[in-house]
Amino acid sequence: MKNTKNVRIRNRLFFEVYINYAIMLTMFAVLIGLIFMNLYETAIMNDYRYKLEKQALSIAKRMQQAIINGEEESYLEYLVILGELDDEVPDVYTISNPNASSPMNKSMENVVLDDVELPKDSIEVIDAAFNNQTQYRSGYYETFGGVSAIVGNPINVNGEVVGAVLLISQVHGQDDIINSSMHLIFLSAIVALFISFIIAALFANGISAPISKMRRTALELADGKYQCKTDITRKDEIGDLARTIDVLADELAENEKERLDREQMRVDFFANVSHELRTPITVIRAYTETLIDGVVTDKDKVAGYYDRILLECKSMERLVGDLLLLSKMQNPDFVIEKEPVNITQIFEDLIRSMHAISAEKNIDLDFVKDEPFYMMMGDYDRLRQMFLIILDNAIKFTEENSTIHIKLSKKDRLIVSIRDEGIGISEEDLPSIFDKFYKSKLKQNEKGSGLGLAIAKQIALRHDGEIEVFSEPDLGTEFVFYFQCLEDYVEKLEL
């Protein structure tokens, strides 16, 4: 059992839950971070593109106005001033459209396509502008000194594209903004993951700790320590499982107690049987050896010895019969054949049979009933035997010139009361009177086997009945039986 208590760390539930949860959080954080960084970068570049296109449009309009008004010199001064005001102003190329019927003045053109070698994207942007389209390109261009953005915008004069404005801007400033933002996002993700890992540890511990405790409790129960409990009070499925284990522990403890009680009863049973049989066997052996040795030769004494041997044999036969009957009654597979029985008839039969015994002590059997018939489902012979045991004890423990009261009544159940006016049962003896081989130390009980009341109780249980006992020393004892009436039994079967 010790080996089952050692679990490797990597196989522990806490470790598995924590690792899986941490991996899930990390993947989720990385995925969200990548998506967010991509969206952020796209937003920055779109914003930068919008600004470049807006600048290109503004310059193109200013140039258009200068061409219409013949203010070429003022336009060139505007470009100079614009470059001096802001270091981040992109490079401005103005290109005349050679395909226009009235191209713009060469004095306003600062790039001649035939004289310079521009990247392919720049040529595509210029051609789109000559076709009256605004276009945007970005990428790495060695001609422009690195990663750059290119925007081309047409210059319209009187409905004709006379030239194009080309803005070229290096995006290293935007890269710095993006990189600094990425660092901030990365730092935030690290902090969030750290906090999430702490939460994951608490979450994993919240699941694994009670399960580990239940595991330890189960191992303790397997070792026979049935008093061990989980003491977990959670109100979720884990709490339900813990309470189930606690209920199991209680049931195991109860079963263990019952097992020990049965074991003790078994030991006591054999001890009592041995004790009960030892005396008659000893007596029979002593008388038999005496007769065989010829110690006694007188015919009357020999006859007396034979009578005593026969009496002891009958006593053992009765004891063995009671033991077999009790064993049969306690067998769960034993089934009593039931049929409609009139309890009134049983007691009328018993009163006739016991009249001679009760008359010896001048004891009156007072039988009271409110109805002529009290019907129930049962075994006539077994019920008669049960009531016979009670009446026999009542006569045995009742003084002369007394009365035994027998009363039949019916409420929600059939009630049978047998009350004597005898010596009663002491309070400490009362809980044990239905135990096998239990006998009080009274003189009247010295010849009893201690099995009668145990048999009576088993018969009552086999008839789904209950027994209550009320007794006061020197005042008498009352046995009350409760059984299901025949009508209720039939109604139950029909349902």
Protein backbone atom coordinates (compact mmCIF):
# COMPACT_ATOMS: atom_id res chain seq x y z
CA MET A 1 0.00 0.00 0.00
CA LYS A 2 2.94 2.35 0.58
CA ASN A 3 3.93 2.27 -3.09
CA THR A 4 0.50 3.50 -4.12
CA LYS A 5 0.93 6.61 -1.99
CA ASN A 6 3.95 7.84 -3.95
CA VAL A 7 3.10 9.67 -7.16
CA ARG A 8 5.71 11.30 -9.37
CA ILE A 9 5.48 15.06 -9.63
CA ARG A 10 4.91 15.03 -13.38
CA ASN A 11 1.99 12.64 -12.85
CA ARG A 12 0.32 14.74 -10.19
CA LEU A 13 -2.99 16.35 -11.08
CA PHE A 14 -1.78 19.79 -9.96
CA PHE A 15 1.17 19.63 -12.35
CA GLU A 16 -0.97 18.43 -15.26
CA VAL A 17 -3.70 21.02 -14.72
CA TYR A 18 -1.18 23.81 -14.20
CA ILE A 19 0.91 22.94 -17.29
CA ASN A 20 -2.14 22.57 -19.53
CA TYR A 21 -3.63 25.79 -18.24
CA ALA A 22 -0.30 27.63 -18.58
CA ILE A 23 0.21 26.35 -22.15
CA MET A 24 -3.30 27.41 -23.04
CA LEU A 25 -2.74 30.89 -21.56
CA THR A 26 0.63 31.26 -23.30
CA MET A 27 -0.77 30.24 -26.68
CA PHE A 28 -3.73 32.54 -26.19
CA ALA A 29 -1.49 35.45 -25.16
CA VAL A 30 0.90 34.90 -28.09
CA LEU A 31 -1.97 34.63 -30.55
CA ILE A 32 -3.71 37.74 -29.23
CA GLY A 33 -0.37 39.58 -29.14
CA LEU A 34 0.43 38.71 -32.75
CA ILE A 35 -3.05 39.67 -33.90
CA PHE A 36 -2.96 42.92 -31.93
CA MET A 37 0.55 43.82 -33.12
CA ASN A 38 -0.42 43.12 -36.72
CA LEU A 39 -3.58 45.22 -36.39
CA TYR A 40 -1.64 47.98 -34.66
CA GLU A 41 1.08 48.00 -37.31
CA THR A 42 -1.55 48.04 -40.06
CA ALA A 43 -3.36 50.91 -38.38
CA ILE A 44 -0.14 52.93 -38.03
CA MET A 45 0.80 52.38 -41.66
CA ASN A 46 -2.73 53.14 -42.88
CA ASP A 47 -2.68 56.34 -40.89
CA TYR A 48 0.71 57.23 -42.34
CA ARG A 49 -0.55 56.43 -45.84
CA TYR A 50 -3.56 58.64 -45.30
CA LYS A 51 -1.31 61.52 -44.23
CA LEU A 52 0.96 61.08 -47.28
CA GLU A 53 -1.99 60.95 -49.65
CA LYS A 54 -3.43 64.04 -47.99
CA GLN A 55 -0.09 65.85 -48.37
CA ALA A 56 0.24 64.75 -52.00
CA LEU A 57 -3.28 66.02 -52.73
CA SER A 58 -2.56 69.35 -51.01
CA ILE A 59 0.69 69.85 -52.92
CA ALA A 60 -0.99 68.87 -56.20
CA LYS A 61 -3.76 71.44 -55.64
CA ARG A 62 -1.22 74.13 -54.74
CA MET A 63 0.77 73.31 -57.85
CA GLN A 64 -2.40 73.31 -59.96
CA GLN A 65 -3.24 76.78 -58.64
CA ALA A 66 0.28 78.00 -59.35
CA ILE A 67 0.13 76.73 -62.95
CA ILE A 68 -3.23 78.36 -63.58
CA ASN A 69 -2.10 81.68 -62.08
CA GLY A 70 1.37 81.55 -63.58
CA GLU A 71 3.00 81.58 -60.13
CA GLU A 72 5.79 79.09 -60.71
CA GLU A 73 8.26 81.01 -58.56
CA SER A 74 5.88 81.20 -55.61
CA TYR A 75 5.35 77.45 -55.81
CA LEU A 76 9.05 76.75 -55.67
CA GLU A 77 9.35 79.04 -52.66
CA TYR A 78 6.47 77.10 -51.04
CA LEU A 79 8.39 73.85 -51.42
CA VAL A 80 11.50 75.40 -49.87
CA ILE A 81 9.56 76.81 -46.94
CA LEU A 82 7.71 73.50 -46.51
CA GLY A 83 11.00 71.61 -46.24
CA GLU A 84 12.38 74.07 -43.70
CA LEU A 85 9.31 73.91 -41.43
CA ASP A 86 9.28 70.16 -40.81
CA ASP A 87 12.13 67.66 -41.01
CA GLU A 88 9.62 64.88 -41.55
CA VAL A 89 8.24 66.36 -44.77
CA PRO A 90 8.74 63.71 -47.49
CA ASP A 91 10.75 64.28 -50.62
CA VAL A 92 8.59 65.96 -53.27
CA TYR A 93 9.15 65.10 -56.90
CA THR A 94 7.23 66.97 -59.58
CA ILE A 95 7.13 65.33 -62.97
CA SER A 96 5.73 66.69 -66.23
CA ASN A 97 3.40 64.46 -68.22
CA PRO A 98 4.98 64.08 -71.65
CA ASN A 99 1.71 62.72 -73.03
CA ALA A 100 -0.29 65.86 -72.17
CA SER A 101 -1.21 68.30 -74.90
CA SER A 102 -0.07 71.14 -72.64
CA PRO A 103 2.49 69.77 -70.19
CA MET A 104 3.42 71.83 -67.19
CA ASN A 105 6.30 74.27 -67.37
CA LYS A 106 9.72 72.63 -67.17
CA SER A 107 10.70 75.12 -64.48
CA MET A 108 8.28 73.40 -62.09
CA GLU A 109 9.64 69.92 -62.84
CA ASN A 110 12.42 68.72 -60.55
CA VAL A 111 12.71 65.16 -61.92
CA VAL A 112 13.19 64.15 -65.53
CA LEU A 113 12.36 60.52 -66.01
CA ASP A 114 14.93 60.04 -68.71
CA ASP A 115 17.70 61.38 -66.47
CA VAL A 116 17.11 59.29 -63.32
CA GLU A 117 16.71 55.59 -62.59
CA LEU A 118 13.72 55.08 -60.28
CA PRO A 119 12.44 51.83 -58.74
CA LYS A 120 9.75 49.93 -60.61
CA ASP A 121 7.10 50.80 -57.97
CA SER A 122 7.84 54.51 -58.50
CA ILE A 123 7.38 54.18 -62.25
CA GLU A 124 4.02 52.37 -61.68
CA VAL A 125 2.87 55.10 -59.28
CA ILE A 126 3.85 57.86 -61.82
CA ASP A 127 2.07 56.07 -64.66
CA ALA A 128 -1.05 55.72 -62.49
CA ALA A 129 -0.90 59.46 -61.70
CA PHE A 130 -0.59 60.28 -65.45
CA ASN A 131 -3.79 58.21 -65.82
CA ASN A 132 -5.48 60.46 -63.22
CA GLN A 133 -5.20 57.89 -60.32
CA THR A 134 -3.75 58.25 -56.84
CA GLN A 135 -1.66 55.24 -55.91
CA TYR A 136 0.43 54.07 -52.93
CA ARG A 137 3.39 51.74 -52.70
CA SER A 138 5.72 50.74 -49.86
CA GLY A 139 8.77 48.53 -49.52
CA TYR A 140 12.49 48.45 -49.32
CA TYR A 141 14.11 50.70 -51.94
CA GLU A 142 17.87 51.05 -51.95
CA THR A 143 17.55 54.15 -54.21
CA PHE A 144 15.63 55.95 -51.45
CA GLY A 145 17.84 54.72 -48.61
CA GLY A 146 15.74 51.92 -47.11
CA VAL A 147 12.10 51.16 -46.29
CA SER A 148 10.04 53.92 -47.87
CA ALA A 149 6.51 54.85 -48.82
CA ILE A 150 5.60 56.25 -52.24
CA VAL A 151 2.46 58.22 -53.10
CA GLY A 152 1.61 59.64 -56.53
CA ASN A 153 -1.12 62.20 -57.19
CA PRO A 154 -2.14 63.69 -60.59
CA ILE A 155 -1.99 67.45 -61.35
CA ASN A 156 -5.13 68.42 -63.26
CA VAL A 157 -5.36 71.67 -65.19
CA ASN A 158 -8.50 72.34 -67.19
CA GLY A 159 -9.47 68.67 -67.10
CA GLU A 160 -6.10 67.37 -68.31
CA VAL A 161 -3.32 65.67 -66.33
CA VAL A 162 -0.33 67.91 -67.00
CA GLY A 163 1.96 66.26 -64.46
CA ALA A 164 2.27 64.32 -61.24
CA VAL A 165 3.39 64.90 -57.66
CA LEU A 166 5.47 62.04 -56.23
CA LEU A 167 6.01 61.92 -52.44
CA ILE A 168 8.74 59.64 -51.13
CA SER A 169 9.14 59.20 -47.34
CA GLN A 170 11.29 56.86 -45.33
CA VAL A 171 9.21 55.10 -42.66
CA HIS A 172 11.91 54.65 -40.01
CA GLY A 173 10.02 57.06 -37.77
CA GLN A 174 6.94 54.89 -37.99
CA ASP A 175 9.08 51.82 -37.32
CA ASP A 176 10.32 53.46 -34.12
CA ILE A 177 6.74 54.12 -33.04
CA ILE A 178 5.74 50.55 -33.91
CA ASN A 179 8.78 49.05 -32.16
CA SER A 180 8.23 51.08 -28.98
CA SER A 181 4.57 50.11 -29.01
CA MET A 182 5.52 46.47 -29.58
CA HIS A 183 7.83 46.60 -26.57
CA LEU A 184 5.00 47.96 -24.46
CA ILE A 185 2.63 45.27 -25.73
CA PHE A 186 5.25 42.59 -25.10
CA LEU A 187 5.86 43.86 -21.55
CA SER A 188 2.11 43.96 -20.89
CA ALA A 189 1.78 40.39 -22.18
CA ILE A 190 4.61 39.22 -19.87
CA VAL A 191 2.96 40.86 -16.84
CA ALA A 192 -0.45 39.46 -17.81
CA LEU A 193 1.03 35.97 -18.23
CA PHE A 194 2.77 36.20 -14.87
CA ILE A 195 -0.47 37.14 -13.16
CA SER A 196 -2.31 34.45 -15.14
CA PHE A 197 0.23 31.82 -14.07
CA ILE A 198 -0.40 32.74 -10.43
CA ILE A 199 -4.13 32.43 -11.03
CA ALA A 200 -3.51 29.13 -12.85
CA ALA A 201 -1.57 27.85 -9.84
CA LEU A 202 -4.42 28.81 -7.50
CA PHE A 203 -6.95 27.26 -9.89
CA ALA A 204 -4.96 24.02 -10.26
CA ASN A 205 -4.43 23.82 -6.51
CA GLY A 206 -8.16 24.41 -5.93
CA ILE A 207 -8.89 21.33 -8.04
CA SER A 208 -5.98 19.08 -7.14
CA ALA A 209 -5.81 19.73 -3.37
CA PRO A 210 -9.27 18.31 -2.53
CA ILE A 211 -8.77 15.43 -4.96
CA SER A 212 -5.41 14.63 -3.34
CA LYS A 213 -7.11 14.76 0.05
CA MET A 214 -9.83 12.41 -1.16
CA ARG A 215 -7.12 10.09 -2.52
CA ARG A 216 -5.38 10.03 0.86
CA THR A 217 -8.72 9.39 2.56
CA ALA A 218 -9.47 6.53 0.16
CA LEU A 219 -6.08 4.98 0.92
CA GLU A 220 -6.75 5.32 4.66
CA LEU A 221 -10.11 3.62 4.16
CA ALA A 222 -8.38 0.86 2.21
CA ASP A 223 -6.08 0.41 5.22
CA GLY A 224 -9.13 -0.09 7.42
CA LYS A 225 -9.10 3.37 9.07
CA TYR A 226 -12.81 3.94 8.66
CA GLN A 227 -12.93 6.98 10.95
CA CYS A 228 -10.98 9.02 8.39
CA LYS A 229 -13.00 11.81 6.68
CA THR A 230 -12.28 14.31 3.89
CA ASP A 231 -13.95 17.24 5.73
CA ILE A 232 -14.38 19.00 2.36
CA THR A 233 -17.35 21.41 2.30
CA ARG A 234 -17.31 22.58 -1.33
CA LYS A 235 -20.69 22.93 -3.08
CA ASP A 236 -19.69 21.63 -6.51
CA GLU A 237 -19.12 18.20 -8.07
CA ILE A 238 -15.88 17.78 -6.12
CA GLY A 239 -17.78 18.53 -2.90
CA ASP A 240 -20.43 15.97 -3.90
CA LEU A 241 -17.71 13.37 -4.46
CA ALA A 242 -16.10 14.21 -1.10
CA ARG A 243 -19.43 13.87 0.70
CA THR A 244 -19.96 10.54 -1.05
CA ILE A 245 -16.60 9.33 0.24
CA ASP A 246 -17.53 10.49 3.75
CA VAL A 247 -20.83 8.60 3.50
CA LEU A 248 -18.89 5.56 2.30
CA ALA A 249 -16.55 5.93 5.28
CA ASP A 250 -19.54 6.00 7.65
CA GLU A 251 -21.04 2.93 6.00
CA LEU A 252 -17.72 1.10 6.10
CA ALA A 253 -17.34 1.99 9.77
CA GLU A 254 -20.86 0.76 10.44
CA ASN A 255 -20.26 -2.42 8.45
CA GLU A 256 -17.00 -3.01 10.29
CA LYS A 257 -18.80 -2.57 13.60
CA GLU A 258 -21.48 -5.00 12.48
CA ARG A 259 -18.82 -7.45 11.31
CA LEU A 260 -17.08 -7.29 14.67
CA ASP A 261 -20.42 -7.68 16.42
CA ARG A 262 -21.25 -10.70 14.26
CA GLU A 263 -17.83 -12.14 14.91
CA GLN A 264 -18.32 -11.64 18.62
CA MET A 265 -21.79 -13.14 18.35
CA ARG A 266 -20.34 -16.12 16.52
CA VAL A 267 -17.74 -16.60 19.24
CA ASP A 268 -20.40 -16.16 21.91
CA PHE A 269 -22.70 -18.52 20.02
CA PHE A 270 -20.19 -21.36 20.00
CA ALA A 271 -19.28 -20.65 23.59
CA ASN A 272 -22.93 -20.72 24.62
CA VAL A 273 -23.69 -23.83 22.61
CA SER A 274 -20.69 -25.55 24.14
CA HIS A 275 -21.78 -24.45 27.59
CA GLU A 276 -25.39 -25.53 27.05
CA LEU A 277 -24.40 -28.93 25.71
CA ARG A 278 -21.58 -29.59 28.17
CA THR A 279 -23.86 -30.02 31.18
CA PRO A 280 -26.34 -32.56 29.72
CA ILE A 281 -23.51 -34.48 27.99
CA THR A 282 -21.56 -34.61 31.25
CA VAL A 283 -24.65 -35.81 33.08
CA ILE A 284 -25.44 -38.44 30.45
CA ARG A 285 -21.84 -39.68 30.45
CA ALA A 286 -21.70 -39.87 34.24
CA TYR A 287 -24.96 -41.84 34.48
CA THR A 288 -23.99 -44.09 31.55
CA GLU A 289 -20.55 -44.90 33.04
CA THR A 290 -22.20 -45.59 36.38
CA LEU A 291 -24.64 -48.01 34.76
CA ILE A 292 -21.94 -49.70 32.65
CA ASP A 293 -19.62 -50.12 35.66
CA GLY A 294 -22.46 -51.73 37.60
CA VAL A 295 -22.07 -49.30 40.47
CA VAL A 296 -25.86 -49.05 40.75
CA THR A 297 -27.81 -52.27 40.68
CA ASP A 298 -31.04 -51.30 42.39
CA LYS A 299 -33.82 -51.44 39.80
CA ASP A 300 -35.51 -48.28 41.01
CA LYS A 301 -32.23 -46.32 40.91
CA VAL A 302 -31.36 -47.74 37.49
CA ALA A 303 -34.79 -46.70 36.22
CA GLY A 304 -34.23 -43.23 37.70
CA TYR A 305 -30.87 -43.00 35.94
CA TYR A 306 -32.52 -43.94 32.64
CA ASP A 307 -35.22 -41.32 33.18
CA ARG A 308 -32.56 -38.67 33.83
CA ILE A 309 -30.63 -39.71 30.71
CA LEU A 310 -33.85 -39.49 28.68
CA LEU A 311 -34.64 -36.08 30.15
CA GLU A 312 -31.19 -34.74 29.27
CA CYS A 313 -31.49 -36.17 25.76
CA LYS A 314 -34.84 -34.41 25.30
CA SER A 315 -33.27 -31.20 26.58
CA MET A 316 -30.44 -31.47 24.03
CA GLU A 317 -32.93 -32.35 21.30
CA ARG A 318 -34.98 -29.26 22.14
CA LEU A 319 -31.84 -27.10 22.19
CA VAL A 320 -30.63 -28.42 18.82
CA GLY A 321 -34.13 -27.95 17.39
CA ASP A 322 -34.24 -24.37 18.59
CA LEU A 323 -30.78 -23.73 17.13
CA LEU A 324 -31.77 -25.15 13.76
CA LEU A 325 -35.00 -23.15 13.76
CA LEU A 326 -33.22 -19.94 14.69
CA SER A 327 -30.55 -20.54 12.05
CA LYS A 328 -33.24 -21.17 9.46
CA MET A 329 -35.08 -17.99 10.45
CA GLN A 330 -31.93 -15.87 10.18
CA ASN A 331 -31.14 -17.20 6.71
CA PRO A 332 -32.01 -14.44 4.17
CA ASP A 333 -33.13 -17.08 1.66
CA PHE A 334 -35.66 -18.60 4.04
CA VAL A 335 -39.22 -17.88 2.90
CA ILE A 336 -42.34 -18.33 5.02
CA GLU A 337 -45.39 -19.62 3.20
CA LYS A 338 -48.12 -17.12 4.04
CA GLU A 339 -51.86 -17.49 3.91
CA PRO A 340 -54.80 -15.66 5.52
CA VAL A 341 -54.69 -16.35 9.27
CA ASN A 342 -57.22 -15.46 11.97
CA ILE A 343 -55.26 -14.33 15.06
CA THR A 344 -58.36 -14.90 17.20
CA GLN A 345 -58.31 -18.59 16.32
CA ILE A 346 -54.61 -18.86 17.27
CA PHE A 347 -55.20 -17.50 20.76
CA GLU A 348 -58.30 -19.58 21.32
CA ASP A 349 -56.19 -22.63 20.43
CA LEU A 350 -53.34 -21.49 22.74
CA ILE A 351 -55.66 -20.82 25.68
CA ARG A 352 -57.08 -24.34 25.41
CA SER A 353 -53.59 -25.85 25.15
CA MET A 354 -52.14 -23.92 28.09
CA HIS A 355 -55.10 -24.23 30.39
CA ALA A 356 -53.54 -27.12 32.30
CA ILE A 357 -50.25 -25.28 32.84
CA SER A 358 -51.91 -22.03 33.93
CA ALA A 359 -54.30 -23.91 36.21
CA GLU A 360 -51.37 -25.34 38.20
CA LYS A 361 -50.54 -21.77 39.38
CA ASN A 362 -54.18 -20.64 39.35
CA ILE A 363 -53.39 -18.07 36.65
CA ASP A 364 -56.32 -16.72 34.65
CA LEU A 365 -55.88 -16.03 30.91
CA ASP A 366 -58.05 -12.99 30.17
CA PHE A 367 -58.72 -12.74 26.42
CA VAL A 368 -60.29 -9.49 25.14
CA LYS A 369 -61.19 -8.71 21.51
CA ASP A 370 -63.39 -6.11 19.89
CA GLU A 371 -64.11 -8.10 16.74
CA PRO A 372 -64.59 -11.81 16.07
CA PHE A 373 -61.96 -11.90 13.33
CA TYR A 374 -58.51 -10.34 13.09
CA MET A 375 -57.06 -11.43 9.78
CA MET A 376 -53.46 -11.15 8.52
CA MET A 377 -51.15 -12.91 6.08
CA GLY A 378 -48.83 -15.37 7.80
CA ASP A 379 -47.85 -18.90 8.78
CA TYR A 380 -50.30 -20.28 11.36
CA ASP A 381 -47.81 -22.63 13.01
CA ARG A 382 -45.02 -20.05 13.24
CA LEU A 383 -47.33 -17.39 14.68
CA ARG A 384 -48.69 -19.89 17.18
CA GLN A 385 -45.12 -20.80 18.19
CA MET A 386 -44.25 -17.11 18.66
CA PHE A 387 -47.22 -16.34 20.88
CA LEU A 388 -46.70 -19.64 22.74
CA ILE A 389 -43.17 -18.54 23.70
CA ILE A 390 -44.49 -15.25 25.13
CA LEU A 391 -47.36 -16.90 27.01
CA ASP A 392 -45.08 -19.62 28.36
CA ASN A 393 -42.68 -16.98 29.72
CA ALA A 394 -45.58 -14.99 31.13
CA ILE A 395 -46.83 -18.02 33.08
CA LYS A 396 -43.28 -18.92 34.14
CA PHE A 397 -42.52 -15.47 35.62
CA THR A 398 -45.96 -14.76 37.08
CA GLU A 399 -46.84 -15.57 40.67
CA GLU A 400 -49.80 -17.74 41.59
CA ASN A 401 -53.35 -16.35 41.65
CA SER A 402 -52.59 -13.74 38.97
CA THR A 403 -53.98 -12.81 35.54
CA ILE A 404 -52.40 -12.67 32.09
CA HIS A 405 -54.18 -10.15 29.86
CA ILE A 406 -54.43 -10.82 26.12
CA LYS A 407 -55.94 -8.07 23.96
CA LEU A 408 -56.52 -7.84 20.20
CA SER A 409 -57.26 -4.49 18.56
CA LYS A 410 -56.97 -2.81 15.21
CA LYS A 411 -56.17 0.76 14.22
CA ASP A 412 -53.94 1.44 11.26
CA ARG A 413 -52.34 -1.93 12.08
CA LEU A 414 -53.27 -5.14 13.85
CA ILE A 415 -52.15 -4.89 17.51
CA VAL A 416 -51.62 -7.87 19.84
CA SER A 417 -50.90 -7.17 23.51
CA ILE A 418 -49.84 -9.80 26.08
CA ARG A 419 -49.42 -8.40 29.57
CA ASP A 420 -48.63 -10.33 32.75
CA GLU A 421 -48.53 -9.35 36.42
CA GLY A 422 -45.21 -11.02 37.07
CA ILE A 423 -41.85 -9.99 38.46
CA GLY A 424 -40.98 -7.81 35.45
CA ILE A 425 -37.66 -7.21 33.71
CA SER A 426 -34.97 -4.92 35.04
CA GLU A 427 -34.00 -1.84 33.01
CA GLU A 428 -30.48 -3.09 32.34
CA ASP A 429 -31.76 -6.51 31.13
CA LEU A 430 -34.48 -5.13 28.86
CA PRO A 431 -32.26 -4.29 25.80
CA SER A 432 -30.78 -7.82 25.77
CA ILE A 433 -33.83 -10.06 26.12
CA PHE A 434 -33.95 -10.88 22.36
CA ASP A 435 -30.26 -11.89 22.19
CA LYS A 436 -29.41 -15.53 21.61
CA PHE A 437 -28.61 -17.51 24.77
CA TYR A 438 -29.46 -14.53 26.96
CA LYS A 439 -30.87 -15.70 30.28
CA SER A 440 -31.51 -13.73 33.41
CA LYS A 441 -30.17 -15.04 36.69
CA LEU A 442 -33.65 -15.67 38.06
CA LYS A 443 -34.49 -19.09 39.41
CA GLN A 444 -37.40 -19.46 36.98
CA ASN A 445 -34.99 -19.18 34.05
CA GLU A 446 -32.33 -21.66 35.07
CA LYS A 447 -33.68 -24.43 32.81
CA GLY A 448 -34.24 -22.23 29.77
CA SER A 449 -31.99 -22.24 26.69
CA GLY A 450 -32.09 -18.47 26.08
CA LEU A 451 -33.36 -18.94 22.52
CA GLY A 452 -37.12 -18.52 22.91
CA LEU A 453 -37.38 -14.73 22.59
CA ALA A 454 -34.74 -14.69 19.84
CA ILE A 455 -36.91 -17.13 17.86
CA ALA A 456 -40.05 -15.09 18.60
CA LYS A 457 -38.40 -11.93 17.27
CA GLN A 458 -37.26 -13.66 14.07
CA ILE A 459 -40.79 -14.96 13.46
CA ALA A 460 -42.18 -11.47 13.92
CA LEU A 461 -39.62 -10.00 11.51
CA ARG A 462 -40.45 -12.68 8.94
CA HIS A 463 -44.07 -11.48 9.11
CA ASP A 464 -42.99 -7.82 8.66
CA GLY A 465 -44.01 -7.21 12.25
CA GLU A 466 -42.64 -5.16 15.12
CA ILE A 467 -42.29 -5.92 18.83
CA GLU A 468 -42.30 -3.47 21.72
CA VAL A 469 -41.64 -4.44 25.33
CA PHE A 470 -42.74 -2.47 28.39
CA SER A 471 -41.77 -3.70 31.84
CA GLU A 472 -41.43 -2.54 35.40
CA PRO A 473 -39.92 -4.70 38.13
CA ASP A 474 -42.55 -6.28 40.42
CA LEU A 475 -45.38 -4.83 38.28
CA GLY A 476 -45.29 -7.00 35.17
CA THR A 477 -44.27 -7.04 31.52
CA GLU A 478 -46.20 -6.27 28.33
CA PHE A 479 -45.26 -7.51 24.86
CA VAL A 480 -46.97 -5.57 22.03
CA PHE A 481 -46.93 -6.91 18.45
CA TYR A 482 -47.80 -4.84 15.35
CA PHE A 483 -48.76 -6.50 12.05
CA GLN A 484 -50.23 -5.43 8.75
CA CYS A 485 -53.93 -6.18 8.39
CA LEU A 486 -55.08 -8.50 5.63
CA GLU A 487 -57.01 -5.71 3.86
CA ASP A 488 -53.95 -3.47 3.73
CA TYR A 489 -51.84 -6.40 2.50
CA VAL A 490 -54.26 -7.13 -0.36
CA GLU A 491 -54.50 -3.44 -1.24
CA LYS A 492 -50.71 -3.22 -1.36
CA LEU A 493 -50.53 -6.23 -3.70
CA GLU A 494 -53.15 -4.70 -6.02
CA LEU A 495 -51.13 -1.48 -6.25
